[in-house]
Amino acid sequence: MSIDKKTLGSIAKFLAVFAVGLLLGTSLGYFLWHSASTTQTVSYVDKIKARGKLIVGTSADWPPFEYVDKNGNYAGIDIEIAKRIAQELGVQLEIKDMKFAALIEALKNGDVDIVIADMTPTAEREKVVDFSIPYYTSKGYAVITTAKSDIKSEQDLYGKKIGVQLGTIQEDWANNNLKGKAEIKSYDRVYPEMVWALQRGDIDAMIVGDKIAEALITKEPSLKIATYVSIPTIGGAVAVPQGAEDLKYVVNSVIEKLLESGEMNKIFQQEILKWLSSS
C-alpha cells in the first residue's frame, strides 16, 4: 500500500507527539517502581529459564500494539517488548492470543507468565496481579466516522450508541460516566470488529486510547477523532503474577533500558509505520 504526502504528514505529526508520552513514562517508571522484594520464596525466573520459554498472554486485536500481520505472525509494539524480555531471560518466546477480558484470569491461573496487551494498571486489577513500570502514557478519545458531525464534545455522546472494548479502562469509564446517558456496547475486539460496527452505523462512536485513535484514523480514512474524553491519563504496563518480584525486576529493567536509551521510541515509530503501511 502506498502512502501519500498528506498521510505521511499525519504520521510524522503523530510520531512527534508520541515521543512526549514516552519521556513521561521514563521518569515515572524509574522513580516509582525500581525495586525488587526479598520476601519471594518461588523463583519465577528460574522456572521460566528451566522451561526454556517465556509464555506471554496478549489480545492480538489492538494494532499497532498487538495484531496478526498478513503473513499470520504476531506483530506490534507489545510483541517487540515481549521479544526483548525473552532475550533478557535467554529463552524462547511463546505468544498466547486470547480475548482481552480473559488475560488476567489466565495470568492468575498460571497459563501465561506475563501479560503484554496495552493493559492499564487499575486498583481492581492490582488486587490480583502486579504491574511493571509503565512504558508509555495515554489519554482517551471518541472516534466517529467522517460522515458524522453531531459529536464534538463529551456531552454530545449522551443519547448515542457508544462502543468500547470488553474489559478495558475505556469500558470502565463508559460504565461509570455514560451509563443511563448513552447506550454502551462492548466488543471483544477493536479491530476490525468494533471499527466495522462504527462504519456500519451500529454504534455512533467508539472510545479508545489516543495512540490507537491516531493510528486508526490514519489507516482508515472514513474515521476521525471527535473529542477528548475525561479518562484520567493512563499508561500501558506489563502484568506479572502477584509475588513474582524477580520476574517484575527483570521486566522493569528491560523497560527502563528501552526508555532511557531511546529504543522504546524507535520501537513505537517502526511498528506504527509498519502497521500503517500494511495492506
C-alpha atoms as a PDB file:
ATOM      1  CA  MET A   1       0.000   0.000   0.000  1.00  0.00           C
ATOM      2  CA  SER A   2       1.433   3.420  -0.926  1.00  0.00           C
ATOM      3  CA  ILE A   3       1.161   6.374   1.426  1.00  0.00           C
ATOM      4  CA  ASP A   4       0.552   9.849   0.016  1.00  0.00           C
ATOM      5  CA  LYS A   5       2.222  13.041   1.280  1.00  0.00           C
ATOM      6  CA  LYS A   6      -0.809  14.050   3.369  1.00  0.00           C
ATOM      7  CA  THR A   7      -0.846  10.709   5.158  1.00  0.00           C
ATOM      8  CA  LEU A   8       2.920  10.844   5.723  1.00  0.00           C
ATOM      9  CA  GLY A   9       2.444  14.265   7.276  1.00  0.00           C
ATOM     10  CA  SER A  10      -0.190  12.864   9.623  1.00  0.00           C
ATOM     11  CA  ILE A  11       2.115  10.016  10.594  1.00  0.00           C
ATOM     12  CA  ALA A  12       5.015  12.382  11.261  1.00  0.00           C
ATOM     13  CA  LYS A  13       2.839  14.639  13.425  1.00  0.00           C
ATOM     14  CA  PHE A  14       1.525  11.633  15.345  1.00  0.00           C
ATOM     15  CA  LEU A  15       5.009  10.248  15.992  1.00  0.00           C
ATOM     16  CA  ALA A  16       6.321  13.605  17.172  1.00  0.00           C
ATOM     17  CA  VAL A  17       3.578  13.872  19.803  1.00  0.00           C
ATOM     18  CA  PHE A  18       4.108  10.238  20.688  1.00  0.00           C
ATOM     19  CA  ALA A  19       7.675  10.782  21.940  1.00  0.00           C
ATOM     20  CA  VAL A  20       6.458  13.120  24.695  1.00  0.00           C
ATOM     21  CA  GLY A  21       4.375  10.393  26.317  1.00  0.00           C
ATOM     22  CA  LEU A  22       7.320   8.029  26.235  1.00  0.00           C
ATOM     23  CA  LEU A  23       9.559  10.519  28.033  1.00  0.00           C
ATOM     24  CA  LEU A  24       6.950  10.944  30.762  1.00  0.00           C
ATOM     25  CA  GLY A  25       6.851   7.196  31.181  1.00  0.00           C
ATOM     26  CA  THR A  26      10.616   7.074  31.714  1.00  0.00           C
ATOM     27  CA  SER A  27      10.746   9.320  34.772  1.00  0.00           C
ATOM     28  CA  LEU A  28       7.602   7.907  36.324  1.00  0.00           C
ATOM     29  CA  GLY A  29       8.821   4.361  35.980  1.00  0.00           C
ATOM     30  CA  TYR A  30      12.313   4.948  37.244  1.00  0.00           C
ATOM     31  CA  PHE A  31      11.393   6.725  40.463  1.00  0.00           C
ATOM     32  CA  LEU A  32       8.314   4.746  41.483  1.00  0.00           C
ATOM     33  CA  TRP A  33       8.995   1.185  40.522  1.00  0.00           C
ATOM     34  CA  HIS A  34      12.707   0.329  40.544  1.00  0.00           C
ATOM     35  CA  SER A  35      12.787  -2.241  43.357  1.00  0.00           C
ATOM     36  CA  ALA A  36      12.654  -5.987  43.965  1.00  0.00           C
ATOM     37  CA  SER A  37      11.368  -7.567  47.168  1.00  0.00           C
ATOM     38  CA  THR A  38      13.437 -10.082  49.141  1.00  0.00           C
ATOM     39  CA  THR A  39      10.326 -11.838  50.542  1.00  0.00           C
ATOM     40  CA  GLN A  40       9.706 -14.005  47.470  1.00  0.00           C
ATOM     41  CA  THR A  41      10.003 -17.760  48.021  1.00  0.00           C
ATOM     42  CA  VAL A  42       9.377 -19.107  44.480  1.00  0.00           C
ATOM     43  CA  SER A  43      11.716 -18.039  41.687  1.00  0.00           C
ATOM     44  CA  TYR A  44       9.566 -17.331  38.648  1.00  0.00           C
ATOM     45  CA  VAL A  45      12.640 -16.502  36.608  1.00  0.00           C
ATOM     46  CA  ASP A  46      14.231 -19.886  37.380  1.00  0.00           C
ATOM     47  CA  LYS A  47      11.025 -21.663  36.346  1.00  0.00           C
ATOM     48  CA  ILE A  48      10.916 -19.804  33.033  1.00  0.00           C
ATOM     49  CA  LYS A  49      14.589 -20.483  32.338  1.00  0.00           C
ATOM     50  CA  ALA A  50      14.181 -24.180  33.193  1.00  0.00           C
ATOM     51  CA  ARG A  51      11.243 -24.389  30.776  1.00  0.00           C
ATOM     52  CA  GLY A  52      13.235 -22.569  28.105  1.00  0.00           C
ATOM     53  CA  LYS A  53      10.476 -20.219  27.015  1.00  0.00           C
ATOM     54  CA  LEU A  54       8.540 -17.176  28.184  1.00  0.00           C
ATOM     55  CA  ILE A  55       4.778 -17.565  27.710  1.00  0.00           C
ATOM     56  CA  VAL A  56       3.156 -14.191  27.052  1.00  0.00           C
ATOM     57  CA  GLY A  57      -0.572 -13.556  27.032  1.00  0.00           C
ATOM     58  CA  THR A  58      -1.971 -10.912  24.685  1.00  0.00           C
ATOM     59  CA  SER A  59      -5.077  -9.979  22.720  1.00  0.00           C
ATOM     60  CA  ALA A  60      -3.974  -9.557  19.124  1.00  0.00           C
ATOM     61  CA  ASP A  61      -6.773  -7.226  18.072  1.00  0.00           C
ATOM     62  CA  TRP A  62      -5.265  -3.932  19.147  1.00  0.00           C
ATOM     63  CA  PRO A  63      -2.958  -2.619  16.414  1.00  0.00           C
ATOM     64  CA  PRO A  64      -0.402  -1.164  16.461  1.00  0.00           C
ATOM     65  CA  PHE A  65       0.235  -2.698  19.900  1.00  0.00           C
ATOM     66  CA  GLU A  66      -0.576  -6.308  19.015  1.00  0.00           C
ATOM     67  CA  TYR A  67      -2.113  -7.873  15.937  1.00  0.00           C
ATOM     68  CA  VAL A  68      -1.669 -10.661  13.392  1.00  0.00           C
ATOM     69  CA  ASP A  69       0.083  -9.448  10.245  1.00  0.00           C
ATOM     70  CA  LYS A  70      -0.688 -10.502   6.678  1.00  0.00           C
ATOM     71  CA  ASN A  71       1.769 -13.398   6.997  1.00  0.00           C
ATOM     72  CA  GLY A  72      -0.034 -14.770  10.040  1.00  0.00           C
ATOM     73  CA  ASN A  73       2.667 -13.655  12.502  1.00  0.00           C
ATOM     74  CA  TYR A  74       2.114 -11.795  15.744  1.00  0.00           C
ATOM     75  CA  ALA A  75       3.354  -8.234  15.396  1.00  0.00           C
ATOM     76  CA  GLY A  76       3.216  -4.863  17.094  1.00  0.00           C
ATOM     77  CA  ILE A  77       4.747  -2.745  19.830  1.00  0.00           C
ATOM     78  CA  ASP A  78       3.930  -5.107  22.679  1.00  0.00           C
ATOM     79  CA  ILE A  79       5.231  -8.108  20.768  1.00  0.00           C
ATOM     80  CA  GLU A  80       8.576  -6.332  20.283  1.00  0.00           C
ATOM     81  CA  ILE A  81       8.745  -5.589  24.004  1.00  0.00           C
ATOM     82  CA  ALA A  82       7.963  -9.250  24.733  1.00  0.00           C
ATOM     83  CA  LYS A  83      10.836 -10.270  22.462  1.00  0.00           C
ATOM     84  CA  ARG A  84      13.224  -8.034  24.403  1.00  0.00           C
ATOM     85  CA  ILE A  85      12.122  -9.552  27.724  1.00  0.00           C
ATOM     86  CA  ALA A  86      12.581 -13.091  26.394  1.00  0.00           C
ATOM     87  CA  GLN A  87      16.036 -12.140  25.117  1.00  0.00           C
ATOM     88  CA  GLU A  88      16.956 -10.752  28.535  1.00  0.00           C
ATOM     89  CA  LEU A  89      15.904 -14.049  30.124  1.00  0.00           C
ATOM     90  CA  GLY A  90      17.744 -16.058  27.454  1.00  0.00           C
ATOM     91  CA  VAL A  91      14.667 -18.063  26.451  1.00  0.00           C
ATOM     92  CA  GLN A  92      12.299 -18.528  23.517  1.00  0.00           C
ATOM     93  CA  LEU A  93       9.077 -16.541  23.231  1.00  0.00           C
ATOM     94  CA  GLU A  94       5.628 -18.133  23.013  1.00  0.00           C
ATOM     95  CA  ILE A  95       2.565 -15.939  22.402  1.00  0.00           C
ATOM     96  CA  LYS A  96      -0.876 -16.990  23.634  1.00  0.00           C
ATOM     97  CA  ASP A  97      -3.635 -14.962  21.981  1.00  0.00           C
ATOM     98  CA  MET A  98      -6.997 -14.658  23.758  1.00  0.00           C
ATOM     99  CA  LYS A  99      -9.798 -12.222  24.454  1.00  0.00           C
ATOM    100  CA  PHE A 100      -8.650  -9.211  26.455  1.00  0.00           C
ATOM    101  CA  ALA A 101     -11.115  -9.928  29.251  1.00  0.00           C
ATOM    102  CA  ALA A 102      -9.577 -13.402  29.757  1.00  0.00           C
ATOM    103  CA  LEU A 103      -5.972 -12.242  30.216  1.00  0.00           C
ATOM    104  CA  ILE A 104      -5.962 -11.531  33.972  1.00  0.00           C
ATOM    105  CA  GLU A 105      -7.534 -14.896  34.763  1.00  0.00           C
ATOM    106  CA  ALA A 106      -5.009 -16.661  32.537  1.00  0.00           C
ATOM    107  CA  LEU A 107      -2.190 -14.951  34.441  1.00  0.00           C
ATOM    108  CA  LYS A 108      -3.720 -15.833  37.813  1.00  0.00           C
ATOM    109  CA  ASN A 109      -4.114 -19.466  36.740  1.00  0.00           C
ATOM    110  CA  GLY A 110      -0.504 -19.724  35.553  1.00  0.00           C
ATOM    111  CA  ASP A 111      -1.465 -20.270  31.916  1.00  0.00           C
ATOM    112  CA  VAL A 112       0.870 -17.404  30.962  1.00  0.00           C
ATOM    113  CA  ASP A 113       3.949 -15.923  32.650  1.00  0.00           C
ATOM    114  CA  ILE A 114       3.188 -12.278  31.883  1.00  0.00           C
ATOM    115  CA  VAL A 115       0.571 -10.250  30.030  1.00  0.00           C
ATOM    116  CA  ILE A 116       1.518  -7.577  27.496  1.00  0.00           C
ATOM    117  CA  ALA A 117      -1.594  -6.116  25.910  1.00  0.00           C
ATOM    118  CA  ASP A 118      -1.505  -2.332  26.342  1.00  0.00           C
ATOM    119  CA  MET A 119      -3.016  -3.002  29.768  1.00  0.00           C
ATOM    120  CA  THR A 120      -3.599  -0.179  32.213  1.00  0.00           C
ATOM    121  CA  PRO A 121      -2.872  -0.796  35.898  1.00  0.00           C
ATOM    122  CA  THR A 122      -6.079  -0.204  37.860  1.00  0.00           C
ATOM    123  CA  ALA A 123      -6.938  -0.634  41.541  1.00  0.00           C
ATOM    124  CA  GLU A 124      -9.199  -3.561  40.651  1.00  0.00           C
ATOM    125  CA  ARG A 125      -6.549  -5.367  38.606  1.00  0.00           C
ATOM    126  CA  GLU A 126      -3.879  -4.703  41.215  1.00  0.00           C
ATOM    127  CA  LYS A 127      -5.919  -6.711  43.718  1.00  0.00           C
ATOM    128  CA  VAL A 128      -4.990  -9.891  41.842  1.00  0.00           C
ATOM    129  CA  VAL A 129      -1.849  -9.163  39.752  1.00  0.00           C
ATOM    130  CA  ASP A 130       1.199  -6.899  39.880  1.00  0.00           C
ATOM    131  CA  PHE A 131       2.374  -4.484  37.221  1.00  0.00           C
ATOM    132  CA  SER A 132       5.668  -3.266  35.813  1.00  0.00           C
ATOM    133  CA  ILE A 133       6.554   0.361  35.355  1.00  0.00           C
ATOM    134  CA  PRO A 134       4.505   1.995  32.559  1.00  0.00           C
ATOM    135  CA  TYR A 135       6.180   2.050  29.165  1.00  0.00           C
ATOM    136  CA  TYR A 136       4.079   4.931  27.777  1.00  0.00           C
ATOM    137  CA  THR A 137       1.243   7.271  28.771  1.00  0.00           C
ATOM    138  CA  SER A 138      -2.067   7.888  27.024  1.00  0.00           C
ATOM    139  CA  LYS A 139      -5.478   9.568  27.237  1.00  0.00           C
ATOM    140  CA  GLY A 140      -8.905   8.793  25.771  1.00  0.00           C
ATOM    141  CA  TYR A 141     -10.636   9.867  22.559  1.00  0.00           C
ATOM    142  CA  ALA A 142     -14.023   9.345  20.973  1.00  0.00           C
ATOM    143  CA  VAL A 143     -13.705   8.223  17.344  1.00  0.00           C
ATOM    144  CA  ILE A 144     -16.522   8.646  14.822  1.00  0.00           C
ATOM    145  CA  THR A 145     -16.982   8.388  11.062  1.00  0.00           C
ATOM    146  CA  THR A 146     -16.231  11.397   8.885  1.00  0.00           C
ATOM    147  CA  ALA A 147     -19.901  11.374   7.823  1.00  0.00           C
ATOM    148  CA  LYS A 148     -20.978  12.387  11.339  1.00  0.00           C
ATOM    149  CA  SER A 149     -20.834  15.936  12.655  1.00  0.00           C
ATOM    150  CA  ASP A 150     -23.070  15.837  15.748  1.00  0.00           C
ATOM    151  CA  ILE A 151     -20.416  14.719  18.253  1.00  0.00           C
ATOM    152  CA  LYS A 152     -17.984  17.483  19.187  1.00  0.00           C
ATOM    153  CA  SER A 153     -17.797  17.156  22.972  1.00  0.00           C
ATOM    154  CA  GLU A 154     -18.113  14.535  25.679  1.00  0.00           C
ATOM    155  CA  GLN A 155     -21.674  15.680  26.393  1.00  0.00           C
ATOM    156  CA  ASP A 156     -22.599  15.012  22.754  1.00  0.00           C
ATOM    157  CA  LEU A 157     -22.130  11.303  23.485  1.00  0.00           C
ATOM    158  CA  TYR A 158     -25.329  11.377  25.555  1.00  0.00           C
ATOM    159  CA  GLY A 159     -28.172   9.587  23.823  1.00  0.00           C
ATOM    160  CA  LYS A 160     -25.775   7.848  21.442  1.00  0.00           C
ATOM    161  CA  LYS A 161     -24.621   4.255  20.993  1.00  0.00           C
ATOM    162  CA  ILE A 162     -21.036   4.008  22.236  1.00  0.00           C
ATOM    163  CA  GLY A 163     -18.622   1.160  21.533  1.00  0.00           C
ATOM    164  CA  VAL A 164     -15.869   0.064  23.931  1.00  0.00           C
ATOM    165  CA  GLN A 165     -13.656  -2.980  24.210  1.00  0.00           C
ATOM    166  CA  LEU A 166     -14.649  -5.546  26.808  1.00  0.00           C
ATOM    167  CA  GLY A 167     -12.523  -5.496  29.962  1.00  0.00           C
ATOM    168  CA  THR A 168     -10.714  -2.214  29.240  1.00  0.00           C
ATOM    169  CA  ILE A 169     -10.290   1.039  31.154  1.00  0.00           C
ATOM    170  CA  GLN A 170     -12.425   2.641  28.432  1.00  0.00           C
ATOM    171  CA  GLU A 171     -15.296   0.258  29.246  1.00  0.00           C
ATOM    172  CA  ASP A 172     -14.948   1.071  32.963  1.00  0.00           C
ATOM    173  CA  TRP A 173     -15.043   4.792  32.195  1.00  0.00           C
ATOM    174  CA  ALA A 174     -18.110   4.444  29.968  1.00  0.00           C
ATOM    175  CA  ASN A 175     -19.986   2.414  32.578  1.00  0.00           C
ATOM    176  CA  ASN A 176     -19.138   4.953  35.288  1.00  0.00           C
ATOM    177  CA  ASN A 177     -19.758   8.114  33.264  1.00  0.00           C
ATOM    178  CA  LEU A 178     -22.210   7.304  30.471  1.00  0.00           C
ATOM    179  CA  LYS A 179     -24.467   4.645  31.975  1.00  0.00           C
ATOM    180  CA  GLY A 180     -28.060   5.852  31.773  1.00  0.00           C
ATOM    181  CA  LYS A 181     -26.978   8.653  29.442  1.00  0.00           C
ATOM    182  CA  ALA A 182     -25.867   6.580  26.456  1.00  0.00           C
ATOM    183  CA  GLU A 183     -26.204   3.015  25.191  1.00  0.00           C
ATOM    184  CA  ILE A 184     -22.915   1.218  25.797  1.00  0.00           C
ATOM    185  CA  LYS A 185     -21.938  -1.702  23.575  1.00  0.00           C
ATOM    186  CA  SER A 186     -18.913  -3.824  24.467  1.00  0.00           C
ATOM    187  CA  TYR A 187     -16.893  -5.694  21.855  1.00  0.00           C
ATOM    188  CA  ASP A 188     -14.285  -8.421  22.200  1.00  0.00           C
ATOM    189  CA  ARG A 189     -12.036  -6.845  19.580  1.00  0.00           C
ATOM    190  CA  VAL A 190     -11.436  -3.276  18.459  1.00  0.00           C
ATOM    191  CA  TYR A 191     -10.037  -4.090  15.038  1.00  0.00           C
ATOM    192  CA  PRO A 192     -11.778  -4.998  12.895  1.00  0.00           C
ATOM    193  CA  GLU A 193     -14.936  -5.862  14.889  1.00  0.00           C
ATOM    194  CA  MET A 194     -15.680  -2.525  16.587  1.00  0.00           C
ATOM    195  CA  VAL A 195     -14.330  -0.476  13.668  1.00  0.00           C
ATOM    196  CA  TRP A 196     -16.680  -2.289  11.301  1.00  0.00           C
ATOM    197  CA  ALA A 197     -19.594  -1.717  13.704  1.00  0.00           C
ATOM    198  CA  LEU A 198     -18.814   2.002  13.646  1.00  0.00           C
ATOM    199  CA  GLN A 199     -18.559   2.093   9.862  1.00  0.00           C
ATOM    200  CA  ARG A 200     -21.870   0.193   9.518  1.00  0.00           C
ATOM    201  CA  GLY A 201     -23.620   2.582  11.860  1.00  0.00           C
ATOM    202  CA  ASP A 202     -24.256   0.017  14.609  1.00  0.00           C
ATOM    203  CA  ILE A 203     -22.618   2.472  17.009  1.00  0.00           C
ATOM    204  CA  ASP A 204     -22.234   6.240  16.820  1.00  0.00           C
ATOM    205  CA  ALA A 205     -18.775   6.474  18.379  1.00  0.00           C
ATOM    206  CA  MET A 206     -16.109   4.325  19.985  1.00  0.00           C
ATOM    207  CA  ILE A 207     -13.885   5.188  22.935  1.00  0.00           C
ATOM    208  CA  VAL A 208     -10.201   4.208  22.629  1.00  0.00           C
ATOM    209  CA  GLY A 209      -6.790   5.433  23.778  1.00  0.00           C
ATOM    210  CA  ASP A 210      -5.202   8.295  21.858  1.00  0.00           C
ATOM    211  CA  LYS A 211      -2.421   6.139  20.382  1.00  0.00           C
ATOM    212  CA  ILE A 212      -4.972   3.710  18.940  1.00  0.00           C
ATOM    213  CA  ALA A 213      -7.222   6.561  17.788  1.00  0.00           C
ATOM    214  CA  GLU A 214      -4.412   8.300  15.893  1.00  0.00           C
ATOM    215  CA  ALA A 215      -3.297   5.067  14.269  1.00  0.00           C
ATOM    216  CA  LEU A 216      -6.848   4.112  13.257  1.00  0.00           C
ATOM    217  CA  ILE A 217      -7.755   7.428  11.644  1.00  0.00           C
ATOM    218  CA  THR A 218      -4.533   7.374   9.633  1.00  0.00           C
ATOM    219  CA  LYS A 219      -5.215   3.850   8.420  1.00  0.00           C
ATOM    220  CA  GLU A 220      -8.994   4.239   7.949  1.00  0.00           C
ATOM    221  CA  PRO A 221      -9.857   7.455   6.014  1.00  0.00           C
ATOM    222  CA  SER A 222     -13.531   7.084   6.934  1.00  0.00           C
ATOM    223  CA  LEU A 223     -12.784   7.706  10.630  1.00  0.00           C
ATOM    224  CA  LYS A 224     -11.932  10.847  12.598  1.00  0.00           C
ATOM    225  CA  ILE A 225     -11.388  11.931  16.196  1.00  0.00           C
ATOM    226  CA  ALA A 226     -14.476  13.673  17.555  1.00  0.00           C
ATOM    227  CA  THR A 227     -13.407  14.745  21.018  1.00  0.00           C
ATOM    228  CA  TYR A 228     -11.195  14.103  24.018  1.00  0.00           C
ATOM    229  CA  VAL A 229     -12.966  12.258  26.843  1.00  0.00           C
ATOM    230  CA  SER A 230     -12.225  12.727  30.530  1.00  0.00           C
ATOM    231  CA  ILE A 231     -10.497   9.414  31.171  1.00  0.00           C
ATOM    232  CA  PRO A 232      -7.560  10.116  33.533  1.00  0.00           C
ATOM    233  CA  THR A 233      -4.144   9.952  31.859  1.00  0.00           C
ATOM    234  CA  ILE A 234      -3.223   6.290  31.707  1.00  0.00           C
ATOM    235  CA  GLY A 235      -0.357   4.136  30.537  1.00  0.00           C
ATOM    236  CA  GLY A 236       0.343   0.615  29.398  1.00  0.00           C
ATOM    237  CA  ALA A 237       2.278  -1.740  31.677  1.00  0.00           C
ATOM    238  CA  VAL A 238       3.207  -5.418  31.794  1.00  0.00           C
ATOM    239  CA  ALA A 239       1.151  -7.558  34.176  1.00  0.00           C
ATOM    240  CA  VAL A 240       3.011 -10.194  36.237  1.00  0.00           C
ATOM    241  CA  PRO A 241       1.806 -12.656  38.890  1.00  0.00           C
ATOM    242  CA  GLN A 242       1.482 -11.316  42.407  1.00  0.00           C
ATOM    243  CA  GLY A 243       4.666 -12.002  44.333  1.00  0.00           C
ATOM    244  CA  ALA A 244       6.779 -12.550  41.212  1.00  0.00           C
ATOM    245  CA  GLU A 245       9.280  -9.922  42.308  1.00  0.00           C
ATOM    246  CA  ASP A 246      12.262 -11.409  40.468  1.00  0.00           C
ATOM    247  CA  LEU A 247      10.302 -11.518  37.214  1.00  0.00           C
ATOM    248  CA  LYS A 248       8.972  -7.995  37.725  1.00  0.00           C
ATOM    249  CA  TYR A 249      12.518  -6.787  38.338  1.00  0.00           C
ATOM    250  CA  VAL A 250      13.670  -8.240  35.003  1.00  0.00           C
ATOM    251  CA  VAL A 251      10.688  -6.727  33.160  1.00  0.00           C
ATOM    252  CA  ASN A 252      11.239  -3.330  34.780  1.00  0.00           C
ATOM    253  CA  SER A 253      14.930  -3.441  33.911  1.00  0.00           C
ATOM    254  CA  VAL A 254      14.167  -4.139  30.247  1.00  0.00           C
ATOM    255  CA  ILE A 255      11.605  -1.330  30.069  1.00  0.00           C
ATOM    256  CA  GLU A 256      13.923   1.133  31.803  1.00  0.00           C
ATOM    257  CA  LYS A 257      16.744   0.328  29.372  1.00  0.00           C
ATOM    258  CA  LEU A 258      14.440   0.724  26.364  1.00  0.00           C
ATOM    259  CA  LEU A 259      13.101   4.056  27.608  1.00  0.00           C
ATOM    260  CA  GLU A 260      16.425   5.534  28.687  1.00  0.00           C
ATOM    261  CA  SER A 261      18.251   4.508  25.514  1.00  0.00           C
ATOM    262  CA  GLY A 262      15.535   5.836  23.192  1.00  0.00           C
ATOM    263  CA  GLU A 263      14.972   2.330  21.811  1.00  0.00           C
ATOM    264  CA  MET A 264      11.351   2.344  23.022  1.00  0.00           C
ATOM    265  CA  ASN A 265      10.599   5.377  20.899  1.00  0.00           C
ATOM    266  CA  LYS A 266      12.164   3.627  17.885  1.00  0.00           C
ATOM    267  CA  ILE A 267      10.006   0.546  18.510  1.00  0.00           C
ATOM    268  CA  PHE A 268       6.866   2.693  18.583  1.00  0.00           C
ATOM    269  CA  GLN A 269       7.817   4.527  15.395  1.00  0.00           C
ATOM    270  CA  GLN A 270       8.800   1.399  13.479  1.00  0.00           C
ATOM    271  CA  GLU A 271       5.762  -0.631  14.495  1.00  0.00           C
ATOM    272  CA  ILE A 272       3.261   2.161  13.868  1.00  0.00           C
ATOM    273  CA  LEU A 273       4.691   2.794  10.407  1.00  0.00           C
ATOM    274  CA  LYS A 274       4.768  -0.937   9.674  1.00  0.00           C
ATOM    275  CA  TRP A 275       1.090  -1.324  10.533  1.00  0.00           C
ATOM    276  CA  LEU A 276       0.013   1.822   8.692  1.00  0.00           C
ATOM    277  CA  SER A 277       1.924   0.695   5.603  1.00  0.00           C
ATOM    278  CA  SER A 278       0.457  -2.817   5.608  1.00  0.00           C
ATOM    279  CA  SER A 279      -2.404  -3.736   3.338  1.00  0.00           C
END
